[in-house]
């Protein structure tokens, strides 16, 4: 995938969360993670993250502390 295709894919995935009711648009905020941050992380831990994961990390932050979709709470 090209960088543009990855970005469209990731944006589409977040849009799907909103369409399905698992998130609201205001729960998505632009990510503060930069490519430079990821470069530092990769160098420090001597790893290479997949390009699509890098695109995901630099796209949005999602507040996972709130889930909009109904889920069973039995036994929680």
PDB file of N, CA and C in Angstrom:
ATOM      1  N   UNK A   1       0.831  -1.183   0.000  1.00  0.00           N
ATOM      2  CA  UNK A   1       0.000   0.000   0.000  1.00  0.00           C
ATOM      3  C   UNK A   1       0.875   1.245   0.000  1.00  0.00           C
ATOM      4  N   UNK A   2       0.415   2.259  -0.693  1.00  0.00           N
ATOM      5  CA  UNK A   2       1.118   3.537  -0.618  1.00  0.00           C
ATOM      6  C   UNK A   2       0.709   4.236   0.677  1.00  0.00           C
ATOM      7  N   UNK A   3       1.434   5.267   1.046  1.00  0.00           N
ATOM      8  CA  UNK A   3       1.118   6.034   2.252  1.00  0.00           C
ATOM      9  C   UNK A   3      -0.307   6.597   2.165  1.00  0.00           C
ATOM     10  N   UNK A   4      -0.691   7.088   0.992  1.00  0.00           N
ATOM     11  CA  UNK A   4      -2.031   7.639   0.803  1.00  0.00           C
ATOM     12  C   UNK A   4      -3.098   6.561   0.975  1.00  0.00           C
ATOM     13  N   UNK A   5      -2.840   5.365   0.457  1.00  0.00           N
ATOM     14  CA  UNK A   5      -3.786   4.250   0.608  1.00  0.00           C
ATOM     15  C   UNK A   5      -3.902   3.839   2.076  1.00  0.00           C
ATOM     16  N   UNK A   6      -2.773   3.819   2.769  1.00  0.00           N
ATOM     17  CA  UNK A   6      -2.808   3.492   4.201  1.00  0.00           C
ATOM     18  C   UNK A   6      -3.639   4.514   4.969  1.00  0.00           C
ATOM     19  N   UNK A   7      -3.449   5.783   4.657  1.00  0.00           N
ATOM     20  CA  UNK A   7      -4.182   6.838   5.339  1.00  0.00           C
ATOM     21  C   UNK A   7      -5.679   6.720   5.063  1.00  0.00           C
ATOM     22  N   UNK A   8      -6.057   6.442   3.818  1.00  0.00           N
ATOM     23  CA  UNK A   8      -7.478   6.246   3.490  1.00  0.00           C
ATOM     24  C   UNK A   8      -8.042   5.047   4.242  1.00  0.00           C
ATOM     25  N   UNK A   9      -7.258   3.966   4.332  1.00  0.00           N
ATOM     26  CA  UNK A   9      -7.694   2.764   5.033  1.00  0.00           C
ATOM     27  C   UNK A   9      -7.926   3.050   6.520  1.00  0.00           C
ATOM     28  N   UNK A  10      -6.963   3.697   7.155  1.00  0.00           N
ATOM     29  CA  UNK A  10      -7.065   4.006   8.586  1.00  0.00           C
ATOM     30  C   UNK A  10      -8.226   4.970   8.840  1.00  0.00           C
ATOM     31  N   UNK A  11      -8.341   6.012   8.032  1.00  0.00           N
ATOM     32  CA  UNK A  11      -9.458   6.949   8.199  1.00  0.00           C
ATOM     33  C   UNK A  11     -10.787   6.238   8.009  1.00  0.00           C
ATOM     34  N   UNK A  12     -10.867   5.340   7.040  1.00  0.00           N
ATOM     35  CA  UNK A  12     -12.086   4.566   6.816  1.00  0.00           C
ATOM     36  C   UNK A  12     -12.435   3.686   7.999  1.00  0.00           C
ATOM     37  N   UNK A  13     -11.424   3.118   8.640  1.00  0.00           N
ATOM     38  CA  UNK A  13     -11.662   2.280   9.815  1.00  0.00           C
ATOM     39  C   UNK A  13     -12.237   3.103  10.968  1.00  0.00           C
ATOM     40  N   UNK A  14     -11.685   4.293  11.194  1.00  0.00           N
ATOM     41  CA  UNK A  14     -12.216   5.153  12.241  1.00  0.00           C
ATOM     42  C   UNK A  14     -13.620   5.636  11.895  1.00  0.00           C
ATOM     43  N   UNK A  15     -13.868   5.947  10.618  1.00  0.00           N
ATOM     44  CA  UNK A  15     -15.209   6.350  10.190  1.00  0.00           C
ATOM     45  C   UNK A  15     -16.201   5.216  10.401  1.00  0.00           C
ATOM     46  N   UNK A  16     -15.772   3.977  10.184  1.00  0.00           N
ATOM     47  CA  UNK A  16     -16.636   2.814  10.403  1.00  0.00           C
ATOM     48  C   UNK A  16     -17.010   2.692  11.881  1.00  0.00           C
ATOM     49  N   UNK A  17     -16.070   2.982  12.780  1.00  0.00           N
ATOM     50  CA  UNK A  17     -16.399   2.961  14.213  1.00  0.00           C
ATOM     51  C   UNK A  17     -17.519   3.946  14.526  1.00  0.00           C
ATOM     52  N   UNK A  18     -17.460   5.104  13.909  1.00  0.00           N
ATOM     53  CA  UNK A  18     -18.482   6.132  14.131  1.00  0.00           C
ATOM     54  C   UNK A  18     -19.813   5.678  13.524  1.00  0.00           C
ATOM     55  N   UNK A  19     -19.784   5.189  12.289  1.00  0.00           N
ATOM     56  CA  UNK A  19     -21.017   4.733  11.616  1.00  0.00           C
ATOM     57  C   UNK A  19     -21.695   3.614  12.385  1.00  0.00           C
ATOM     58  N   UNK A  20     -20.911   2.726  12.957  1.00  0.00           N
ATOM     59  CA  UNK A  20     -21.465   1.571  13.681  1.00  0.00           C
ATOM     60  C   UNK A  20     -21.895   1.919  15.100  1.00  0.00           C
ATOM     61  N   UNK A  21     -21.606   3.133  15.522  1.00  0.00           N
ATOM     62  CA  UNK A  21     -22.016   3.556  16.851  1.00  0.00           C
ATOM     63  C   UNK A  21     -21.051   3.171  17.958  1.00  0.00           C
ATOM     64  N   UNK A  22     -19.900   2.640  17.600  1.00  0.00           N
ATOM     65  CA  UNK A  22     -18.908   2.254  18.610  1.00  0.00           C
ATOM     66  C   UNK A  22     -18.111   3.450  19.099  1.00  0.00           C
ATOM     67  N   UNK A  23     -18.223   4.564  18.392  1.00  0.00           N
ATOM     68  CA  UNK A  23     -17.527   5.791  18.769  1.00  0.00           C
ATOM     69  C   UNK A  23     -18.333   6.964  18.235  1.00  0.00           C
ATOM     70  N   UNK A  24     -18.066   8.120  18.787  1.00  0.00           N
ATOM     71  CA  UNK A  24     -18.631   9.344  18.243  1.00  0.00           C
ATOM     72  C   UNK A  24     -17.479  10.159  17.672  1.00  0.00           C
ATOM     73  N   UNK A  25     -17.808  11.044  16.761  1.00  0.00           N
ATOM     74  CA  UNK A  25     -16.764  11.828  16.089  1.00  0.00           C
ATOM     75  C   UNK A  25     -15.919  12.625  17.086  1.00  0.00           C
ATOM     76  N   UNK A  26     -16.555  13.120  18.161  1.00  0.00           N
ATOM     77  CA  UNK A  26     -15.789  13.926  19.116  1.00  0.00           C
ATOM     78  C   UNK A  26     -14.844  13.084  19.970  1.00  0.00           C
ATOM     79  N   UNK A  27     -14.934  11.769  19.888  1.00  0.00           N
ATOM     80  CA  UNK A  27     -14.006  10.896  20.612  1.00  0.00           C
ATOM     81  C   UNK A  27     -12.682  10.737  19.858  1.00  0.00           C
ATOM     82  N   UNK A  28     -12.660  11.147  18.594  1.00  0.00           N
ATOM     83  CA  UNK A  28     -11.458  11.026  17.780  1.00  0.00           C
ATOM     84  C   UNK A  28     -10.745  12.361  17.743  1.00  0.00           C
ATOM     85  N   UNK A  29      -9.529  12.381  18.207  1.00  0.00           N
ATOM     86  CA  UNK A  29      -8.731  13.600  18.166  1.00  0.00           C
ATOM     87  C   UNK A  29      -7.459  13.319  17.370  1.00  0.00           C
ATOM     88  N   UNK A  30      -6.962  14.304  16.669  1.00  0.00           N
ATOM     89  CA  UNK A  30      -5.725  14.077  15.920  1.00  0.00           C
ATOM     90  C   UNK A  30      -4.597  13.605  16.842  1.00  0.00           C
ATOM     91  N   UNK A  31      -3.859  12.652  16.361  1.00  0.00           N
ATOM     92  CA  UNK A  31      -2.754  12.101  17.145  1.00  0.00           C
ATOM     93  C   UNK A  31      -1.625  13.118  17.269  1.00  0.00           C
ATOM     94  N   UNK A  32      -0.985  13.106  18.407  1.00  0.00           N
ATOM     95  CA  UNK A  32       0.196  13.960  18.603  1.00  0.00           C
ATOM     96  C   UNK A  32       1.487  13.189  18.319  1.00  0.00           C
ATOM     97  N   UNK A  33       1.359  11.914  17.964  1.00  0.00           N
ATOM     98  CA  UNK A  33       2.528  11.087  17.646  1.00  0.00           C
ATOM     99  C   UNK A  33       3.039  11.479  16.263  1.00  0.00           C
ATOM    100  N   UNK A  34       4.322  11.723  16.168  1.00  0.00           N
ATOM    101  CA  UNK A  34       4.930  12.105  14.892  1.00  0.00           C
ATOM    102  C   UNK A  34       5.792  10.963  14.357  1.00  0.00           C
ATOM    103  N   UNK A  35       6.123  11.070  13.086  1.00  0.00           N
ATOM    104  CA  UNK A  35       7.047  10.083  12.504  1.00  0.00           C
ATOM    105  C   UNK A  35       8.387  10.125  13.233  1.00  0.00           C
ATOM    106  N   UNK A  36       8.796  11.311  13.668  1.00  0.00           N
ATOM    107  CA  UNK A  36      10.056  11.433  14.402  1.00  0.00           C
ATOM    108  C   UNK A  36       9.975  10.691  15.744  1.00  0.00           C
ATOM    109  N   UNK A  37       8.822  10.768  16.411  1.00  0.00           N
ATOM    110  CA  UNK A  37       8.635  10.018  17.662  1.00  0.00           C
ATOM    111  C   UNK A  37       8.795   8.525  17.417  1.00  0.00           C
ATOM    112  N   UNK A  38       8.199   8.052  16.343  1.00  0.00           N
ATOM    113  CA  UNK A  38       8.280   6.626  16.019  1.00  0.00           C
ATOM    114  C   UNK A  38       9.704   6.244  15.648  1.00  0.00           C
ATOM    115  N   UNK A  39      10.397   7.116  14.921  1.00  0.00           N
ATOM    116  CA  UNK A  39      11.800   6.851  14.583  1.00  0.00           C
ATOM    117  C   UNK A  39      12.643   6.677  15.843  1.00  0.00           C
ATOM    118  N   UNK A  40      12.434   7.547  16.831  1.00  0.00           N
ATOM    119  CA  UNK A  40      13.172   7.457  18.097  1.00  0.00           C
ATOM    120  C   UNK A  40      12.849   6.139  18.798  1.00  0.00           C
ATOM    121  N   UNK A  41      11.561   5.780  18.845  1.00  0.00           N
ATOM    122  CA  UNK A  41      11.130   4.522  19.466  1.00  0.00           C
ATOM    123  C   UNK A  41      11.797   3.328  18.779  1.00  0.00           C
ATOM    124  N   UNK A  42      11.750   3.312  17.441  1.00  0.00           N
ATOM    125  CA  UNK A  42      12.342   2.204  16.697  1.00  0.00           C
ATOM    126  C   UNK A  42      13.842   2.088  16.950  1.00  0.00           C
ATOM    127  N   UNK A  43      14.512   3.216  16.989  1.00  0.00           N
ATOM    128  CA  UNK A  43      15.952   3.192  17.239  1.00  0.00           C
ATOM    129  C   UNK A  43      16.256   2.700  18.652  1.00  0.00           C
ATOM    130  N   UNK A  44      15.484   3.203  19.624  1.00  0.00           N
ATOM    131  CA  UNK A  44      15.730   2.826  21.025  1.00  0.00           C
ATOM    132  C   UNK A  44      15.550   1.325  21.231  1.00  0.00           C
ATOM    133  N   UNK A  45      14.526   0.742  20.619  1.00  0.00           N
ATOM    134  CA  UNK A  45      14.228  -0.672  20.834  1.00  0.00           C
ATOM    135  C   UNK A  45      14.717  -1.567  19.695  1.00  0.00           C
ATOM    136  N   UNK A  46      15.439  -0.976  18.743  1.00  0.00           N
ATOM    137  CA  UNK A  46      16.025  -1.713  17.627  1.00  0.00           C
ATOM    138  C   UNK A  46      14.978  -2.580  16.913  1.00  0.00           C
ATOM    139  N   UNK A  47      13.856  -1.935  16.574  1.00  0.00           N
ATOM    140  CA  UNK A  47      12.789  -2.613  15.839  1.00  0.00           C
ATOM    141  C   UNK A  47      12.328  -1.711  14.701  1.00  0.00           C
ATOM    142  N   UNK A  48      11.556  -2.275  13.810  1.00  0.00           N
ATOM    143  CA  UNK A  48      10.950  -1.530  12.706  1.00  0.00           C
ATOM    144  C   UNK A  48       9.456  -1.838  12.704  1.00  0.00           C
ATOM    145  N   UNK A  49       8.638  -0.807  12.939  1.00  0.00           N
ATOM    146  CA  UNK A  49       7.190  -0.991  12.938  1.00  0.00           C
ATOM    147  C   UNK A  49       6.669  -1.032  11.506  1.00  0.00           C
ATOM    148  N   UNK A  50       5.640  -1.835  11.264  1.00  0.00           N
ATOM    149  CA  UNK A  50       5.049  -1.859   9.924  1.00  0.00           C
ATOM    150  C   UNK A  50       4.498  -0.481   9.552  1.00  0.00           C
ATOM    151  N   UNK A  51       4.584  -0.147   8.288  1.00  0.00           N
ATOM    152  CA  UNK A  51       4.158   1.156   7.792  1.00  0.00           C
ATOM    153  C   UNK A  51       2.692   1.450   8.134  1.00  0.00           C
ATOM    154  N   UNK A  52       1.810   0.466   7.988  1.00  0.00           N
ATOM    155  CA  UNK A  52       0.392   0.684   8.281  1.00  0.00           C
ATOM    156  C   UNK A  52       0.183   1.002   9.759  1.00  0.00           C
ATOM    157  N   UNK A  53       0.940   0.358  10.639  1.00  0.00           N
ATOM    158  CA  UNK A  53       0.826   0.647  12.070  1.00  0.00           C
ATOM    159  C   UNK A  53       1.318   2.060  12.373  1.00  0.00           C
ATOM    160  N   UNK A  54       2.374   2.485  11.699  1.00  0.00           N
ATOM    161  CA  UNK A  54       2.866   3.862  11.855  1.00  0.00           C
ATOM    162  C   UNK A  54       1.772   4.857  11.449  1.00  0.00           C
ATOM    163  N   UNK A  55       1.106   4.579  10.339  1.00  0.00           N
ATOM    164  CA  UNK A  55       0.028   5.453   9.872  1.00  0.00           C
ATOM    165  C   UNK A  55      -1.089   5.502  10.898  1.00  0.00           C
ATOM    166  N   UNK A  56      -1.446   4.354  11.459  1.00  0.00           N
ATOM    167  CA  UNK A  56      -2.470   4.291  12.505  1.00  0.00           C
ATOM    168  C   UNK A  56      -2.062   5.147  13.703  1.00  0.00           C
ATOM    169  N   UNK A  57      -0.831   5.002  14.162  1.00  0.00           N
ATOM    170  CA  UNK A  57      -0.375   5.733  15.349  1.00  0.00           C
ATOM    171  C   UNK A  57      -0.346   7.240  15.137  1.00  0.00           C
ATOM    172  N   UNK A  58      -0.121   7.679  13.912  1.00  0.00           N
ATOM    173  CA  UNK A  58      -0.020   9.116  13.639  1.00  0.00           C
ATOM    174  C   UNK A  58      -1.336   9.730  13.177  1.00  0.00           C
ATOM    175  N   UNK A  59      -2.399   8.945  13.102  1.00  0.00           N
ATOM    176  CA  UNK A  59      -3.679   9.457  12.595  1.00  0.00           C
ATOM    177  C   UNK A  59      -4.562  10.056  13.681  1.00  0.00           C
ATOM    178  N   UNK A  60      -5.061   9.208  14.562  1.00  0.00           N
ATOM    179  CA  UNK A  60      -6.004   9.664  15.574  1.00  0.00           C
ATOM    180  C   UNK A  60      -5.680   9.048  16.924  1.00  0.00           C
ATOM    181  N   UNK A  61      -6.157   9.721  17.951  1.00  0.00           N
ATOM    182  CA  UNK A  61      -6.218   9.143  19.288  1.00  0.00           C
ATOM    183  C   UNK A  61      -7.690   8.833  19.530  1.00  0.00           C
ATOM    184  N   UNK A  62      -7.967   7.693  20.077  1.00  0.00           N
ATOM    185  CA  UNK A  62      -9.348   7.289  20.346  1.00  0.00           C
ATOM    186  C   UNK A  62      -9.483   7.061  21.835  1.00  0.00           C
ATOM    187  N   UNK A  63     -10.482   7.656  22.434  1.00  0.00           N
ATOM    188  CA  UNK A  63     -10.712   7.512  23.871  1.00  0.00           C
ATOM    189  C   UNK A  63     -11.375   6.164  24.135  1.00  0.00           C
ATOM    190  N   UNK A  64     -10.559   5.150  24.397  1.00  0.00           N
ATOM    191  CA  UNK A  64     -11.075   3.804  24.635  1.00  0.00           C
ATOM    192  C   UNK A  64     -11.651   3.638  26.037  1.00  0.00           C
ATOM    193  N   UNK A  65     -11.616   4.696  26.847  1.00  0.00           N
ATOM    194  CA  UNK A  65     -12.189   4.578  28.187  1.00  0.00           C
ATOM    195  C   UNK A  65     -13.709   4.619  28.125  1.00  0.00           C
ATOM    196  N   UNK A  66     -14.252   4.998  26.977  1.00  0.00           N
ATOM    197  CA  UNK A  66     -15.700   5.051  26.784  1.00  0.00           C
ATOM    198  C   UNK A  66     -16.032   4.254  25.533  1.00  0.00           C
ATOM    199  N   UNK A  67     -16.914   3.279  25.678  1.00  0.00           N
ATOM    200  CA  UNK A  67     -17.365   2.504  24.532  1.00  0.00           C
ATOM    201  C   UNK A  67     -18.843   2.803  24.344  1.00  0.00           C
ATOM    202  N   UNK A  68     -19.211   3.237  23.150  1.00  0.00           N
ATOM    203  CA  UNK A  68     -20.587   3.625  22.886  1.00  0.00           C
ATOM    204  C   UNK A  68     -21.483   2.438  22.573  1.00  0.00           C
ATOM    205  N   UNK A  69     -20.907   1.372  22.063  1.00  0.00           N
ATOM    206  CA  UNK A  69     -21.706   0.215  21.697  1.00  0.00           C
ATOM    207  C   UNK A  69     -22.166  -0.518  22.942  1.00  0.00           C
ATOM    208  N   UNK A  70     -23.397  -1.010  22.924  1.00  0.00           N
ATOM    209  CA  UNK A  70     -23.862  -1.758  24.089  1.00  0.00           C
ATOM    210  C   UNK A  70     -23.056  -3.052  24.256  1.00  0.00           C
ATOM    211  N   UNK A  71     -22.618  -3.277  25.464  1.00  0.00           N
ATOM    212  CA  UNK A  71     -21.882  -4.503  25.765  1.00  0.00           C
ATOM    213  C   UNK A  71     -22.439  -5.093  27.054  1.00  0.00           C
ATOM    214  N   UNK A  72     -22.452  -6.396  27.155  1.00  0.00           N
ATOM    215  CA  UNK A  72     -22.955  -6.997  28.404  1.00  0.00           C
ATOM    216  C   UNK A  72     -22.002  -6.722  29.549  1.00  0.00           C
ATOM    217  N   UNK A  73     -22.557  -6.353  30.673  1.00  0.00           N
ATOM    218  CA  UNK A  73     -21.734  -6.058  31.841  1.00  0.00           C
ATOM    219  C   UNK A  73     -21.852  -7.124  32.918  1.00  0.00           C
ATOM    220  N   UNK A  74     -22.517  -8.236  32.594  1.00  0.00           N
ATOM    221  CA  UNK A  74     -22.642  -9.319  33.551  1.00  0.00           C
ATOM    222  C   UNK A  74     -21.272  -9.839  33.942  1.00  0.00           C
ATOM    223  N   UNK A  75     -21.061  -9.958  35.204  1.00  0.00           N
ATOM    224  CA  UNK A  75     -19.802 -10.503  35.697  1.00  0.00           C
ATOM    225  C   UNK A  75     -18.631  -9.547  35.685  1.00  0.00           C
ATOM    226  N   UNK A  76     -18.883  -8.276  35.400  1.00  0.00           N
ATOM    227  CA  UNK A  76     -17.783  -7.297  35.384  1.00  0.00           C
ATOM    228  C   UNK A  76     -17.569  -6.766  36.779  1.00  0.00           C
TER     229      UNK A  76
END
